[in-house]
Full PDB file with SEQRES, HELIX, SHEET, SSBOND, CRYST1, ORIGX, SCALE, CONECT and MASTER records, all heavy atoms in Angstrom:
SEQRES   1 A   30  GLU TYR ALA ALA GLY ARG THR PRO ASN PRO CYS LEU ARG          
SEQRES   2 A   30  CYS ASN GLU LYS ILE LYS PHE GLU ALA VAL LEU ASP ARG          
SEQRES   3 A   30  ALA VAL ALA LEU                                              
HELIX    1 AA1 PRO A   10  CYS A   14  1                                   5    
HELIX    2 AA2 ASN A   15  ALA A   22  3                                   8    
HELIX    3 AA3 VAL A   23  ALA A   29  1                                   7    
CRYST1    1.000    1.000    1.000  90.00  90.00  90.00 P 1           1          
ORIGX1      1.000000  0.000000  0.000000        0.00000                         
ORIGX2      0.000000  1.000000  0.000000        0.00000                         
ORIGX3      0.000000  0.000000  1.000000        0.00000                         
SCALE1      1.000000  0.000000  0.000000        0.00000                         
SCALE2      0.000000  1.000000  0.000000        0.00000                         
SCALE3      0.000000  0.000000  1.000000        0.00000                         
ATOM      1  N   GLU A   1     101.284  95.650 102.388  1.00  0.00           N  
ATOM      2  CA  GLU A   1     101.607  95.722 103.804  1.00  0.00           C  
ATOM      3  C   GLU A   1     102.352  94.472 104.276  1.00  0.00           C  
ATOM      4  O   GLU A   1     103.346  94.563 105.020  1.00  0.00           O  
ATOM      5  CB  GLU A   1     100.348  95.936 104.642  1.00  0.00           C  
ATOM      6  CG  GLU A   1      99.769  97.309 104.560  1.00  0.00           C  
ATOM      7  CD  GLU A   1     100.674  98.346 105.237  1.00  0.00           C  
ATOM      8  OE1 GLU A   1     100.655  98.359 106.493  1.00  0.00           O  
ATOM      9  OE2 GLU A   1     101.387  99.055 104.531  1.00  0.00           O  
ATOM     10  N   TYR A   2     101.887  93.319 103.867  1.00  0.00           N  
ATOM     11  CA  TYR A   2     102.582  92.085 104.240  1.00  0.00           C  
ATOM     12  C   TYR A   2     103.984  92.043 103.638  1.00  0.00           C  
ATOM     13  O   TYR A   2     104.937  91.599 104.269  1.00  0.00           O  
ATOM     14  CB  TYR A   2     101.774  90.844 103.792  1.00  0.00           C  
ATOM     15  CG  TYR A   2     100.887  90.301 104.893  1.00  0.00           C  
ATOM     16  CD1 TYR A   2      99.513  90.543 104.881  1.00  0.00           C  
ATOM     17  CD2 TYR A   2     101.413  89.550 105.946  1.00  0.00           C  
ATOM     18  CE1 TYR A   2      98.691  90.052 105.889  1.00  0.00           C  
ATOM     19  CE2 TYR A   2     100.616  89.063 106.953  1.00  0.00           C  
ATOM     20  CZ  TYR A   2      99.241  89.314 106.913  1.00  0.00           C  
ATOM     21  OH  TYR A   2      98.425  88.822 107.923  1.00  0.00           O  
ATOM     22  N   ALA A   3     104.113  92.514 102.420  1.00  0.00           N  
ATOM     23  CA  ALA A   3     105.439  92.532 101.774  1.00  0.00           C  
ATOM     24  C   ALA A   3     106.389  93.448 102.513  1.00  0.00           C  
ATOM     25  O   ALA A   3     107.616  93.235 102.494  1.00  0.00           O  
ATOM     26  CB  ALA A   3     105.294  93.008 100.316  1.00  0.00           C  
ATOM     27  N   ALA A   4     105.853  94.433 103.214  1.00  0.00           N  
ATOM     28  CA  ALA A   4     106.677  95.387 103.969  1.00  0.00           C  
ATOM     29  C   ALA A   4     106.899  94.932 105.413  1.00  0.00           C  
ATOM     30  O   ALA A   4     107.469  95.673 106.217  1.00  0.00           O  
ATOM     31  CB  ALA A   4     106.027  96.767 103.973  1.00  0.00           C  
ATOM     32  N   GLY A   5     106.449  93.721 105.760  1.00  0.00           N  
ATOM     33  CA  GLY A   5     106.689  93.191 107.083  1.00  0.00           C  
ATOM     34  C   GLY A   5     105.642  93.608 108.096  1.00  0.00           C  
ATOM     35  O   GLY A   5     105.846  93.427 109.307  1.00  0.00           O  
ATOM     36  N   ARG A   6     104.514  94.176 107.636  1.00  0.00           N  
ATOM     37  CA  ARG A   6     103.488  94.604 108.555  1.00  0.00           C  
ATOM     38  C   ARG A   6     102.275  93.671 108.462  1.00  0.00           C  
ATOM     39  O   ARG A   6     102.140  92.898 107.513  1.00  0.00           O  
ATOM     40  CB  ARG A   6     103.085  96.044 108.248  1.00  0.00           C  
ATOM     41  CG  ARG A   6     104.217  97.039 108.476  1.00  0.00           C  
ATOM     42  CD  ARG A   6     103.774  98.474 108.275  1.00  0.00           C  
ATOM     43  NE  ARG A   6     103.589  98.796 106.872  1.00  0.00           N  
ATOM     44  CZ  ARG A   6     104.502  99.326 106.059  1.00  0.00           C  
ATOM     45  NH1 ARG A   6     105.737  99.554 106.530  1.00  0.00           N  
ATOM     46  NH2 ARG A   6     104.240  99.591 104.817  1.00  0.00           N  
ATOM     47  N   THR A   7     101.382  93.764 109.442  1.00  0.00           N  
ATOM     48  CA  THR A   7     100.179  92.921 109.491  1.00  0.00           C  
ATOM     49  C   THR A   7      98.950  93.819 109.407  1.00  0.00           C  
ATOM     50  O   THR A   7      98.532  94.390 110.435  1.00  0.00           O  
ATOM     51  CB  THR A   7     100.145  92.091 110.786  1.00  0.00           C  
ATOM     52  OG1 THR A   7     101.372  91.353 110.892  1.00  0.00           O  
ATOM     53  CG2 THR A   7      98.970  91.126 110.761  1.00  0.00           C  
ATOM     54  N   PRO A   8      98.362  93.985 108.245  1.00  0.00           N  
ATOM     55  CA  PRO A   8      97.220  94.917 108.081  1.00  0.00           C  
ATOM     56  C   PRO A   8      95.917  94.326 108.573  1.00  0.00           C  
ATOM     57  O   PRO A   8      95.798  93.125 108.787  1.00  0.00           O  
ATOM     58  CB  PRO A   8      97.183  95.109 106.567  1.00  0.00           C  
ATOM     59  CG  PRO A   8      97.650  93.790 106.030  1.00  0.00           C  
ATOM     60  CD  PRO A   8      98.715  93.322 106.977  1.00  0.00           C  
ATOM     61  N   ASN A   9      94.929  95.204 108.761  1.00  0.00           N  
ATOM     62  CA  ASN A   9      93.571  94.772 109.076  1.00  0.00           C  
ATOM     63  C   ASN A   9      92.674  95.213 107.923  1.00  0.00           C  
ATOM     64  O   ASN A   9      92.305  96.384 107.838  1.00  0.00           O  
ATOM     65  CB  ASN A   9      93.095  95.445 110.399  1.00  0.00           C  
ATOM     66  CG  ASN A   9      91.722  94.928 110.829  1.00  0.00           C  
ATOM     67  OD1 ASN A   9      90.819  94.822 110.035  1.00  0.00           O  
ATOM     68  ND2 ASN A   9      91.594  94.600 112.104  1.00  0.00           N  
ATOM     69  N   PRO A  10      92.335  94.289 107.011  1.00  0.00           N  
ATOM     70  CA  PRO A  10      91.594  94.680 105.818  1.00  0.00           C  
ATOM     71  C   PRO A  10      90.156  95.156 106.101  1.00  0.00           C  
ATOM     72  O   PRO A  10      89.632  95.977 105.348  1.00  0.00           O  
ATOM     73  CB  PRO A  10      91.598  93.413 104.957  1.00  0.00           C  
ATOM     74  CG  PRO A  10      91.819  92.303 105.923  1.00  0.00           C  
ATOM     75  CD  PRO A  10      92.711  92.860 106.997  1.00  0.00           C  
ATOM     76  N   CYS A  11      89.548  94.675 107.177  1.00  0.00           N  
ATOM     77  CA  CYS A  11      88.194  95.147 107.506  1.00  0.00           C  
ATOM     78  C   CYS A  11      88.213  96.630 107.887  1.00  0.00           C  
ATOM     79  O   CYS A  11      87.341  97.402 107.500  1.00  0.00           O  
ATOM     80  CB  CYS A  11      87.614  94.321 108.659  1.00  0.00           C  
ATOM     81  SG  CYS A  11      87.296  92.589 108.218  1.00  0.00           S  
ATOM     82  N   LEU A  12      89.240  97.014 108.646  1.00  0.00           N  
ATOM     83  CA  LEU A  12      89.382  98.412 109.008  1.00  0.00           C  
ATOM     84  C   LEU A  12      89.617  99.267 107.771  1.00  0.00           C  
ATOM     85  O   LEU A  12      89.009 100.321 107.612  1.00  0.00           O  
ATOM     86  CB  LEU A  12      90.537  98.546 109.999  1.00  0.00           C  
ATOM     87  CG  LEU A  12      90.779  99.909 110.633  1.00  0.00           C  
ATOM     88  CD1 LEU A  12      91.377  99.726 112.038  1.00  0.00           C  
ATOM     89  CD2 LEU A  12      91.729 100.754 109.789  1.00  0.00           C  
ATOM     90  N   ARG A  13      90.467  98.769 106.883  1.00  0.00           N  
ATOM     91  CA  ARG A  13      90.767  99.548 105.658  1.00  0.00           C  
ATOM     92  C   ARG A  13      89.537  99.644 104.780  1.00  0.00           C  
ATOM     93  O   ARG A  13      89.289 100.684 104.154  1.00  0.00           O  
ATOM     94  CB  ARG A  13      91.912  98.879 104.881  1.00  0.00           C  
ATOM     95  CG  ARG A  13      92.544  99.754 103.858  1.00  0.00           C  
ATOM     96  CD  ARG A  13      93.217 100.969 104.445  1.00  0.00           C  
ATOM     97  NE  ARG A  13      94.303 100.602 105.331  1.00  0.00           N  
ATOM     98  CZ  ARG A  13      94.439 101.039 106.591  1.00  0.00           C  
ATOM     99  NH1 ARG A  13      93.563 101.901 107.081  1.00  0.00           N  
ATOM    100  NH2 ARG A  13      95.443 100.681 107.350  1.00  0.00           N  
ATOM    101  N   CYS A  14      88.714  98.603 104.730  1.00  0.00           N  
ATOM    102  CA  CYS A  14      87.490  98.628 103.921  1.00  0.00           C  
ATOM    103  C   CYS A  14      86.509  99.664 104.473  1.00  0.00           C  
ATOM    104  O   CYS A  14      85.882 100.414 103.704  1.00  0.00           O  
ATOM    105  CB  CYS A  14      86.861  97.239 103.889  1.00  0.00           C  
ATOM    106  SG  CYS A  14      85.381  97.130 102.836  1.00  0.00           S  
ATOM    107  N   ASN A  15      86.370  99.698 105.795  1.00  0.00           N  
ATOM    108  CA  ASN A  15      85.495 100.710 106.377  1.00  0.00           C  
ATOM    109  C   ASN A  15      85.979 102.115 106.086  1.00  0.00           C  
ATOM    110  O   ASN A  15      85.194 103.014 105.742  1.00  0.00           O  
ATOM    111  CB  ASN A  15      85.408 100.525 107.900  1.00  0.00           C  
ATOM    112  CG  ASN A  15      84.499  99.361 108.289  1.00  0.00           C  
ATOM    113  OD1 ASN A  15      83.480  99.154 107.672  1.00  0.00           O  
ATOM    114  ND2 ASN A  15      84.894  98.611 109.300  1.00  0.00           N  
ATOM    115  N   GLU A  16      87.297 102.292 106.193  1.00  0.00           N  
ATOM    116  CA  GLU A  16      87.872 103.618 105.966  1.00  0.00           C  
ATOM    117  C   GLU A  16      87.771 104.055 104.500  1.00  0.00           C  
ATOM    118  O   GLU A  16      87.273 105.163 104.213  1.00  0.00           O  
ATOM    119  CB  GLU A  16      89.349 103.604 106.378  1.00  0.00           C  
ATOM    120  CG  GLU A  16      90.072 104.925 106.108  1.00  0.00           C  
ATOM    121  CD  GLU A  16      91.569 104.819 106.326  1.00  0.00           C  
ATOM    122  OE1 GLU A  16      92.107 103.680 106.367  1.00  0.00           O  
ATOM    123  OE2 GLU A  16      92.223 105.879 106.462  1.00  0.00           O  
ATOM    124  N   LYS A  17      88.225 103.207 103.589  1.00  0.00           N  
ATOM    125  CA  LYS A  17      88.394 103.610 102.183  1.00  0.00           C  
ATOM    126  C   LYS A  17      87.155 103.357 101.304  1.00  0.00           C  
ATOM    127  O   LYS A  17      86.944 104.074 100.345  1.00  0.00           O  
ATOM    128  CB  LYS A  17      89.593 102.904 101.571  1.00  0.00           C  
ATOM    129  CG  LYS A  17      90.917 103.278 102.213  1.00  0.00           C  
ATOM    130  CD  LYS A  17      91.243 104.746 101.985  1.00  0.00           C  
ATOM    131  CE  LYS A  17      92.614 105.107 102.531  1.00  0.00           C  
ATOM    132  NZ  LYS A  17      92.938 106.531 102.310  1.00  0.00           N  
ATOM    133  N   ILE A  18      86.382 102.344 101.673  1.00  0.00           N  
ATOM    134  CA  ILE A  18      85.235 101.991 100.801  1.00  0.00           C  
ATOM    135  C   ILE A  18      83.910 102.456 101.421  1.00  0.00           C  
ATOM    136  O   ILE A  18      83.269 103.366 100.922  1.00  0.00           O  
ATOM    137  CB  ILE A  18      85.201 100.469 100.545  1.00  0.00           C  
ATOM    138  CG1 ILE A  18      86.529  99.980  99.934  1.00  0.00           C  
ATOM    139  CG2 ILE A  18      84.017 100.124  99.634  1.00  0.00           C  
ATOM    140  CD1 ILE A  18      86.878 100.626  98.607  1.00  0.00           C  
ATOM    141  N   LYS A  19      83.537 101.886 102.553  1.00  0.00           N  
ATOM    142  CA  LYS A  19      82.182 102.132 103.089  1.00  0.00           C  
ATOM    143  C   LYS A  19      81.995 103.555 103.589  1.00  0.00           C  
ATOM    144  O   LYS A  19      80.885 104.119 103.531  1.00  0.00           O  
ATOM    145  CB  LYS A  19      81.880 101.132 104.198  1.00  0.00           C  
ATOM    146  CG  LYS A  19      81.800  99.694 103.704  1.00  0.00           C  
ATOM    147  CD  LYS A  19      81.610  98.714 104.821  1.00  0.00           C  
ATOM    148  CE  LYS A  19      81.591  97.275 104.282  1.00  0.00           C  
ATOM    149  NZ  LYS A  19      81.540  96.272 105.360  1.00  0.00           N  
ATOM    150  N   PHE A  20      83.064 104.163 104.118  1.00  0.00           N  
ATOM    151  CA  PHE A  20      82.898 105.513 104.646  1.00  0.00           C  
ATOM    152  C   PHE A  20      83.798 106.542 103.974  1.00  0.00           C  
ATOM    153  O   PHE A  20      84.143 107.545 104.563  1.00  0.00           O  
ATOM    154  CB  PHE A  20      83.119 105.488 106.170  1.00  0.00           C  
ATOM    155  CG  PHE A  20      82.021 104.788 106.889  1.00  0.00           C  
ATOM    156  CD1 PHE A  20      82.153 103.449 107.210  1.00  0.00           C  
ATOM    157  CD2 PHE A  20      80.849 105.437 107.189  1.00  0.00           C  
ATOM    158  CE1 PHE A  20      81.137 102.780 107.873  1.00  0.00           C  
ATOM    159  CE2 PHE A  20      79.801 104.769 107.828  1.00  0.00           C  
ATOM    160  CZ  PHE A  20      79.956 103.433 108.164  1.00  0.00           C  
ATOM    161  N   GLU A  21      84.216 106.267 102.780  1.00  0.00           N  
ATOM    162  CA  GLU A  21      84.885 107.290 101.965  1.00  0.00           C  
ATOM    163  C   GLU A  21      84.281 107.266 100.591  1.00  0.00           C  
ATOM    164  O   GLU A  21      83.551 108.167 100.216  1.00  0.00           O  
ATOM    165  CB  GLU A  21      86.398 107.047 101.921  1.00  0.00           C  
ATOM    166  CG  GLU A  21      87.164 108.146 101.193  1.00  0.00           C  
ATOM    167  CD  GLU A  21      88.668 108.022 101.336  1.00  0.00           C  
ATOM    168  OE1 GLU A  21      89.179 107.992 102.480  1.00  0.00           O  
ATOM    169  OE2 GLU A  21      89.347 107.919 100.277  1.00  0.00           O  
ATOM    170  N   ALA A  22      84.551 106.196  99.852  1.00  0.00           N  
ATOM    171  CA  ALA A  22      84.014 106.147  98.488  1.00  0.00           C  
ATOM    172  C   ALA A  22      82.474 106.129  98.475  1.00  0.00           C  
ATOM    173  O   ALA A  22      81.839 106.881  97.731  1.00  0.00           O  
ATOM    174  CB  ALA A  22      84.555 104.897  97.785  1.00  0.00           C  
ATOM    175  N   VAL A  23      81.877 105.270  99.321  1.00  0.00           N  
ATOM    176  CA  VAL A  23      80.414 105.172  99.330  1.00  0.00           C  
ATOM    177  C   VAL A  23      79.776 106.441  99.903  1.00  0.00           C  
ATOM    178  O   VAL A  23      78.815 106.983  99.312  1.00  0.00           O  
ATOM    179  CB  VAL A  23      79.957 103.948 100.149  1.00  0.00           C  
ATOM    180  CG1 VAL A  23      78.472 103.959 100.346  1.00  0.00           C  
ATOM    181  CG2 VAL A  23      80.374 102.668  99.435  1.00  0.00           C  
ATOM    182  N   LEU A  24      80.310 106.936 100.984  1.00  0.00           N  
ATOM    183  CA  LEU A  24      79.729 108.133 101.614  1.00  0.00           C  
ATOM    184  C   LEU A  24      79.873 109.337 100.685  1.00  0.00           C  
ATOM    185  O   LEU A  24      78.945 110.124 100.520  1.00  0.00           O  
ATOM    186  CB  LEU A  24      80.402 108.406 102.950  1.00  0.00           C  
ATOM    187  CG  LEU A  24      79.853 109.598 103.739  1.00  0.00           C  
ATOM    188  CD1 LEU A  24      78.366 109.448 103.990  1.00  0.00           C  
ATOM    189  CD2 LEU A  24      80.595 109.739 105.064  1.00  0.00           C  
ATOM    190  N   ASP A  25      81.031 109.468 100.031  1.00  0.00           N  
ATOM    191  CA  ASP A  25      81.214 110.585  99.102  1.00  0.00           C  
ATOM    192  C   ASP A  25      80.197 110.521  97.961  1.00  0.00           C  
ATOM    193  O   ASP A  25      79.618 111.541  97.575  1.00  0.00           O  
ATOM    194  CB  ASP A  25      82.629 110.565  98.521  1.00  0.00           C  
ATOM    195  CG  ASP A  25      83.670 111.007  99.523  1.00  0.00           C  
ATOM    196  OD1 ASP A  25      83.293 111.470 100.607  1.00  0.00           O  
ATOM    197  OD2 ASP A  25      84.882 110.836  99.239  1.00  0.00           O  
ATOM    198  N   ARG A  26      79.963 109.309  97.446  1.00  0.00           N  
ATOM    199  CA  ARG A  26      79.014 109.177  96.341  1.00  0.00           C  
ATOM    200  C   ARG A  26      77.594 109.440  96.833  1.00  0.00           C  
ATOM    201  O   ARG A  26      76.788 110.059  96.141  1.00  0.00           O  
ATOM    202  CB  ARG A  26      79.106 107.761  95.738  1.00  0.00           C  
ATOM    203  CG  ARG A  26      78.226 107.575  94.512  1.00  0.00           C  
ATOM    204  CD  ARG A  26      78.302 106.157  93.947  1.00  0.00           C  
ATOM    205  NE  ARG A  26      79.611 105.827  93.421  1.00  0.00           N  
ATOM    206  CZ  ARG A  26      79.875 104.680  92.789  1.00  0.00           C  
ATOM    207  NH1 ARG A  26      78.921 103.768  92.601  1.00  0.00           N  
ATOM    208  NH2 ARG A  26      81.097 104.445  92.333  1.00  0.00           N  
ATOM    209  N   ALA A  27      77.293 108.952  98.057  1.00  0.00           N  
ATOM    210  CA  ALA A  27      75.964 109.155  98.623  1.00  0.00           C  
ATOM    211  C   ALA A  27      75.644 110.641  98.795  1.00  0.00           C  
ATOM    212  O   ALA A  27      74.570 111.120  98.440  1.00  0.00           O  
ATOM    213  CB  ALA A  27      75.847 108.432  99.946  1.00  0.00           C  
ATOM    214  N   VAL A  28      76.615 111.369  99.335  1.00  0.00           N  
ATOM    215  CA  VAL A  28      76.404 112.812  99.542  1.00  0.00           C  
ATOM    216  C   VAL A  28      76.227 113.519  98.207  1.00  0.00           C  
ATOM    217  O   VAL A  28      75.373 114.413  98.059  1.00  0.00           O  
ATOM    218  CB  VAL A  28      77.577 113.403 100.345  1.00  0.00           C  
ATOM    219  CG1 VAL A  28      77.505 114.935 100.375  1.00  0.00           C  
ATOM    220  CG2 VAL A  28      77.614 112.850 101.755  1.00  0.00           C  
ATOM    221  N   ALA A  29      77.025 113.112  97.205  1.00  0.00           N  
ATOM    222  CA  ALA A  29      76.911 113.720  95.890  1.00  0.00           C  
ATOM    223  C   ALA A  29      75.534 113.477  95.267  1.00  0.00           C  
ATOM    224  O   ALA A  29      75.043 114.290  94.488  1.00  0.00           O  
ATOM    225  CB  ALA A  29      77.988 113.179  94.967  1.00  0.00           C  
ATOM    226  N   LEU A  30      74.915 112.362  95.643  1.00  0.00           N  
ATOM    227  CA  LEU A  30      73.587 112.030  95.125  1.00  0.00           C  
ATOM    228  C   LEU A  30      72.448 112.596  95.966  1.00  0.00           C  
ATOM    229  O   LEU A  30      71.285 112.350  95.702  1.00  0.00           O  
ATOM    230  CB  LEU A  30      73.442 110.504  95.041  1.00  0.00           C  
ATOM    231  CG  LEU A  30      74.309 109.816  93.986  1.00  0.00           C  
ATOM    232  CD1 LEU A  30      74.214 108.286  94.115  1.00  0.00           C  
ATOM    233  CD2 LEU A  30      73.888 110.234  92.594  1.00  0.00           C  
TER     234      LEU A  30                                                      
MASTER        0    0    0    3    0    0    0    6  233    1    0    3          
END                                                                             
């Protein structure tokens, strides 16, 4: 994102992709 001239928010991305996608998907599967 920085290389493309944008300013990302990594905390938002972590919530989206890790805590409430990867983790939630695994939790539901279990």
